[in-house]
Amino acid sequence: MRISPEIHNTADEVGRVAAAIVADGIALANQQGRPFVIGCPSGRSAQTTYEHLASEVAQRDLDLSSFVIALMDEYVERDGDGFRAVPAHLPHSCVGFGLREIVAPLSLAARHGRGIPEANLWFPDVTAPEDYEAKLTAIGGIDFFLLASGSSDGHVALNPVGSAASTITRVVALEDTTRRDNLSTFPTFRSIDDVPKFGVTVGIRTIREQSKAVIMLALGEQKQEAVRRLELADAYDPLWPATVLSECRSPRFIIDRAASALLKTA
């Protein structure tokens, strides 16, 4: 089904709206005495959401001790015949991003003893990526999956163009278009040669079937074509993997004014 975007004036407003939705979910899960699981991308699209979520945690005095962060992906590199995750201390590590930009500020915003346990930052194990599916299923799936679309090729997480609808968590080779997008996501990359060529990522089926609700975020002029493609999609198109949005349960598509210029209704 086609999903109409909700347009807000600024990236800050988008983050405020998305954070309030997530905070409502955390509060409800706490009332029900169950974990709350959020699927998280790294990078710029969700940055304002994470910032405002910290404010919501402080203002509402939310308990994050049962809050689980399920990262979508991580860069990996060759290790003999297999792969290994890049070290978490590197600026482009998704796990490092999760620790620095999500776990640390949210735990700081919570009262002492109510922060996010270290074990509640989840990410795919590159040596057994398919085990992530079972782990997510065992906890009851993902309450909210925050999504973002690649600017130039529509990748979602690290799923490249051509990813089948049936794909699950796996190691993938990264398209040059995806790697170029990440030059701006991680400014410490000096050139495309610095960007890893492989990643471990949740699959299209993972996003579609594990999520109870999704929020697609799009910010800035560089996301105008992505927004246009997503607004027109009425089914999953492997040529633009972020169109999985159209087949997810309880989808919302939240963008800022700068990203909306190619929409006829903007």
Protein backbone atom coordinates (compact mmCIF):
# COMPACT_ATOMS: atom_id res chain seq x y z
CA MET A 1 0.00 0.00 0.00
CA ARG A 2 1.12 3.55 -0.61
CA ILE A 3 2.18 5.52 2.44
CA SER A 4 1.68 9.28 2.44
CA PRO A 5 4.45 11.23 4.15
CA GLU A 6 3.82 13.45 7.14
CA ILE A 7 5.66 16.70 6.44
CA HIS A 8 7.15 18.79 9.23
CA ASN A 9 9.04 22.02 8.81
CA THR A 10 12.42 21.01 10.18
CA ALA A 11 14.53 17.99 11.00
CA ASP A 12 14.21 18.94 14.66
CA GLU A 13 10.42 18.75 14.45
CA VAL A 14 10.63 15.33 12.79
CA GLY A 15 12.82 14.11 15.63
CA ARG A 16 10.45 15.50 18.24
CA VAL A 17 7.43 13.76 16.69
CA ALA A 18 9.17 10.41 16.22
CA ALA A 19 10.66 10.50 19.73
CA ALA A 20 7.25 11.12 21.27
CA ILE A 21 5.86 8.07 19.47
CA VAL A 22 8.70 5.89 20.75
CA ALA A 23 8.41 7.30 24.27
CA ASP A 24 4.69 6.45 24.30
CA GLY A 25 5.61 2.90 23.39
CA ILE A 26 8.22 2.65 26.16
CA ALA A 27 5.75 3.96 28.73
CA LEU A 28 3.09 1.46 27.66
CA ALA A 29 5.54 -1.46 27.73
CA ASN A 30 6.65 -0.43 31.23
CA GLN A 31 3.02 -0.38 32.37
CA GLN A 32 2.53 -3.86 30.92
CA GLY A 33 5.74 -5.16 32.52
CA ARG A 34 7.38 -6.27 29.27
CA PRO A 35 10.48 -5.34 27.27
CA PHE A 36 10.31 -2.65 24.62
CA VAL A 37 12.42 -3.31 21.52
CA ILE A 38 13.42 -0.64 19.02
CA GLY A 39 15.20 -1.32 15.73
CA CYS A 40 17.80 1.38 15.19
CA PRO A 41 19.81 2.67 12.25
CA SER A 42 23.07 4.54 12.68
CA GLY A 43 23.78 7.78 10.88
CA ARG A 44 22.07 11.10 10.42
CA SER A 45 18.42 10.31 9.66
CA ALA A 46 17.52 9.24 13.20
CA GLN A 47 19.91 11.58 15.02
CA THR A 48 17.28 14.16 16.00
CA THR A 49 14.98 11.35 17.09
CA TYR A 50 17.61 9.98 19.46
CA GLU A 51 18.29 13.47 20.82
CA HIS A 52 14.63 14.17 21.53
CA LEU A 53 14.10 10.69 22.93
CA ALA A 54 16.66 11.50 25.63
CA SER A 55 14.61 14.57 26.51
CA GLU A 56 11.43 12.48 26.63
CA VAL A 57 13.11 9.96 28.94
CA ALA A 58 14.10 12.72 31.35
CA GLN A 59 10.79 14.58 31.23
CA ARG A 60 8.65 11.47 31.65
CA ASP A 61 11.05 9.76 34.07
CA LEU A 62 11.02 6.64 31.91
CA ASP A 63 12.59 3.41 33.13
CA LEU A 64 14.91 1.99 30.43
CA SER A 65 15.98 -1.14 32.29
CA SER A 66 13.83 -3.28 29.95
CA PHE A 67 14.55 -1.20 26.84
CA VAL A 68 16.29 -3.19 24.07
CA ILE A 69 18.11 -1.56 21.15
CA ALA A 70 18.34 -3.86 18.13
CA LEU A 71 20.87 -2.42 15.69
CA MET A 72 20.21 -3.06 12.02
CA ASP A 73 23.72 -3.62 10.74
CA GLU A 74 27.47 -3.35 11.13
CA TYR A 75 30.41 -2.96 8.80
CA VAL A 76 32.58 -6.06 8.49
CA GLU A 77 35.91 -6.89 6.91
CA ARG A 78 37.55 -10.01 5.56
CA ASP A 79 39.14 -12.31 8.12
CA GLY A 80 40.74 -15.23 6.31
CA ASP A 81 37.90 -17.26 4.80
CA GLY A 82 35.29 -15.43 6.88
CA PHE A 83 34.45 -11.97 8.21
CA ARG A 84 34.83 -9.98 11.39
CA ALA A 85 33.06 -6.85 12.59
CA VAL A 86 35.03 -3.63 12.49
CA PRO A 87 36.25 -2.56 15.97
CA ALA A 88 33.63 -0.66 17.95
CA HIS A 89 36.01 2.23 18.67
CA LEU A 90 36.16 3.23 15.00
CA PRO A 91 33.99 6.27 14.12
CA HIS A 92 32.09 4.32 11.44
CA SER A 93 31.26 1.31 13.61
CA CYS A 94 27.49 0.96 13.95
CA VAL A 95 27.97 -0.73 17.33
CA GLY A 96 30.18 2.16 18.41
CA PHE A 97 27.52 4.59 17.21
CA GLY A 98 24.91 2.71 19.24
CA LEU A 99 27.03 2.93 22.37
CA ARG A 100 27.95 6.60 21.95
CA GLU A 101 24.87 8.12 20.35
CA ILE A 102 22.00 6.00 21.67
CA VAL A 103 22.85 4.07 24.84
CA ALA A 104 25.00 6.70 26.57
CA PRO A 105 22.68 9.75 26.25
CA LEU A 106 19.51 7.75 26.96
CA SER A 107 21.01 6.13 30.05
CA LEU A 108 22.28 9.51 31.21
CA ALA A 109 18.75 10.92 30.84
CA ALA A 110 17.24 8.13 32.95
CA ARG A 111 17.42 8.10 36.73
CA HIS A 112 20.25 6.18 38.37
CA GLY A 113 19.62 2.45 38.12
CA ARG A 114 17.06 2.87 35.32
CA GLY A 115 19.42 3.09 32.34
CA ILE A 116 19.94 0.62 29.49
CA PRO A 117 21.81 -2.55 30.53
CA GLU A 118 24.91 -3.21 28.45
CA ALA A 119 23.44 -6.56 27.37
CA ASN A 120 20.43 -4.76 25.86
CA LEU A 121 22.38 -3.34 22.92
CA TRP A 122 21.86 -6.07 20.33
CA PHE A 123 23.54 -6.46 16.96
CA PRO A 124 24.00 -9.27 14.43
CA ASP A 125 26.86 -11.69 15.03
CA VAL A 126 28.81 -11.83 11.79
CA THR A 127 29.83 -15.44 12.50
CA ALA A 128 26.19 -16.58 12.80
CA PRO A 129 24.00 -13.78 11.39
CA GLU A 130 20.90 -15.97 11.02
CA ASP A 131 20.78 -16.37 14.81
CA TYR A 132 19.60 -12.74 15.01
CA GLU A 133 16.25 -13.80 13.57
CA ALA A 134 15.66 -16.30 16.38
CA LYS A 135 16.74 -13.79 19.00
CA LEU A 136 14.28 -11.19 17.74
CA THR A 137 11.49 -13.75 17.48
CA ALA A 138 12.12 -15.01 21.01
CA ILE A 139 11.60 -11.55 22.53
CA GLY A 140 8.40 -11.03 20.56
CA GLY A 141 9.68 -8.97 17.65
CA ILE A 142 10.49 -5.28 17.33
CA ASP A 143 7.98 -2.76 18.69
CA PHE A 144 9.19 0.07 16.47
CA PHE A 145 11.64 -0.20 13.62
CA LEU A 146 13.18 3.16 12.71
CA LEU A 147 14.09 3.11 9.03
CA ALA A 148 16.01 5.34 6.63
CA SER A 149 16.46 5.18 2.87
CA GLY A 150 19.75 5.56 1.06
CA SER A 151 19.83 8.78 -0.94
CA SER A 152 21.16 7.43 -4.21
CA ASP A 153 20.08 3.78 -4.33
CA GLY A 154 17.33 3.28 -1.75
CA HIS A 155 19.27 0.86 0.44
CA VAL A 156 17.67 0.18 3.82
CA ALA A 157 20.02 -0.95 6.57
CA LEU A 158 22.78 -2.34 4.31
CA ASN A 159 20.45 -4.22 1.95
CA PRO A 160 21.74 -3.54 -1.57
CA VAL A 161 19.72 -3.01 -4.71
CA GLY A 162 18.28 -6.33 -5.83
CA SER A 163 17.73 -7.73 -2.32
CA ALA A 164 14.96 -10.30 -2.42
CA ALA A 165 11.87 -9.86 -0.26
CA SER A 166 12.74 -13.14 1.46
CA THR A 167 16.18 -12.08 2.72
CA ILE A 168 17.06 -12.39 6.41
CA THR A 169 20.10 -11.27 8.42
CA ARG A 170 23.25 -12.00 6.42
CA VAL A 171 26.59 -10.67 5.22
CA VAL A 172 26.36 -8.61 2.02
CA ALA A 173 28.74 -6.92 -0.39
CA LEU A 174 28.11 -3.18 -0.38
CA GLU A 175 27.28 -1.34 -3.58
CA ASP A 176 29.53 1.57 -4.49
CA THR A 177 26.44 3.81 -4.34
CA THR A 178 25.85 2.80 -0.72
CA ARG A 179 29.51 3.33 0.11
CA ARG A 180 29.43 6.80 -1.46
CA ASP A 181 26.34 7.69 0.59
CA ASN A 182 28.31 6.77 3.69
CA LEU A 183 31.11 9.18 2.84
CA SER A 184 28.81 11.93 4.11
CA THR A 185 27.30 9.84 6.89
CA PHE A 186 30.76 9.32 8.38
CA PRO A 187 32.94 12.35 7.56
CA THR A 188 36.05 10.61 8.90
CA PHE A 189 36.16 8.65 5.65
CA ARG A 190 38.58 10.50 3.38
CA SER A 191 37.53 8.69 0.19
CA ILE A 192 35.42 5.76 -0.94
CA ASP A 193 38.52 3.58 -0.57
CA ASP A 194 38.20 3.98 3.22
CA VAL A 195 34.61 2.70 3.28
CA PRO A 196 34.28 -1.03 4.06
CA LYS A 197 33.12 -3.24 1.20
CA PHE A 198 31.00 -5.62 3.31
CA GLY A 199 28.45 -5.47 6.05
CA VAL A 200 26.19 -7.69 8.13
CA THR A 201 22.58 -6.54 7.93
CA VAL A 202 19.04 -7.46 8.81
CA GLY A 203 17.13 -8.56 5.71
CA ILE A 204 14.01 -7.29 4.00
CA ARG A 205 11.99 -10.13 5.51
CA THR A 206 13.46 -9.31 8.93
CA ILE A 207 12.17 -5.74 8.72
CA ARG A 208 8.79 -6.72 7.32
CA GLU A 209 8.01 -9.66 9.62
CA GLN A 210 9.78 -8.77 12.86
CA SER A 211 8.37 -5.25 13.17
CA LYS A 212 5.06 -4.44 14.84
CA ALA A 213 5.32 -0.85 13.57
CA VAL A 214 7.82 1.14 11.52
CA ILE A 215 8.75 4.79 11.15
CA MET A 216 10.57 5.83 7.98
CA LEU A 217 12.54 9.03 8.52
CA ALA A 218 13.81 11.30 5.72
CA LEU A 219 15.61 14.58 6.29
CA GLY A 220 17.19 17.11 4.00
CA GLU A 221 17.45 17.95 0.32
CA GLN A 222 19.57 14.87 -0.41
CA LYS A 223 16.57 12.65 0.41
CA GLN A 224 14.15 14.23 -2.08
CA GLU A 225 14.40 11.45 -4.66
CA ALA A 226 14.13 8.81 -1.94
CA VAL A 227 10.95 10.44 -0.64
CA ARG A 228 9.46 10.59 -4.14
CA ARG A 229 10.19 6.90 -4.74
CA LEU A 230 8.80 5.84 -1.39
CA GLU A 231 5.64 7.90 -1.73
CA LEU A 232 4.86 6.21 -5.07
CA ALA A 233 5.54 2.65 -3.91
CA ASP A 234 2.58 0.35 -3.36
CA ALA A 235 4.63 -2.83 -2.96
CA TYR A 236 8.20 -3.87 -2.33
CA ASP A 237 10.54 -3.06 -5.21
CA PRO A 238 14.00 -4.67 -4.98
CA LEU A 239 15.36 -1.85 -7.13
CA TRP A 240 14.71 0.49 -4.17
CA PRO A 241 14.89 -1.69 -1.03
CA ALA A 242 13.50 0.97 1.32
CA THR A 243 10.12 0.38 -0.34
CA VAL A 244 9.71 -2.44 2.20
CA LEU A 245 7.93 0.36 4.08
CA SER A 246 4.87 -0.26 1.89
CA GLU A 247 4.51 -3.83 3.19
CA CYS A 248 5.15 -3.25 6.90
CA ARG A 249 2.55 -3.22 9.65
CA SER A 250 1.55 0.16 11.11
CA PRO A 251 3.85 2.26 8.90
CA ARG A 252 4.49 5.97 9.32
CA PHE A 253 6.56 8.10 6.96
CA ILE A 254 7.84 11.29 8.61
CA ILE A 255 9.90 13.84 6.68
CA ASP A 256 11.02 17.43 6.85
CA ARG A 257 10.11 20.19 4.41
CA ALA A 258 13.51 20.08 2.72
CA ALA A 259 13.01 16.44 1.75
CA SER A 260 9.55 17.04 0.29
CA ALA A 261 10.33 19.22 -2.76
CA LEU A 262 9.61 16.55 -5.41
CA LEU A 263 6.19 15.68 -3.98
CA LYS A 264 3.23 17.10 -5.86
CA THR A 265 1.44 17.78 -2.58
CA ALA A 266 4.41 19.43 -0.83
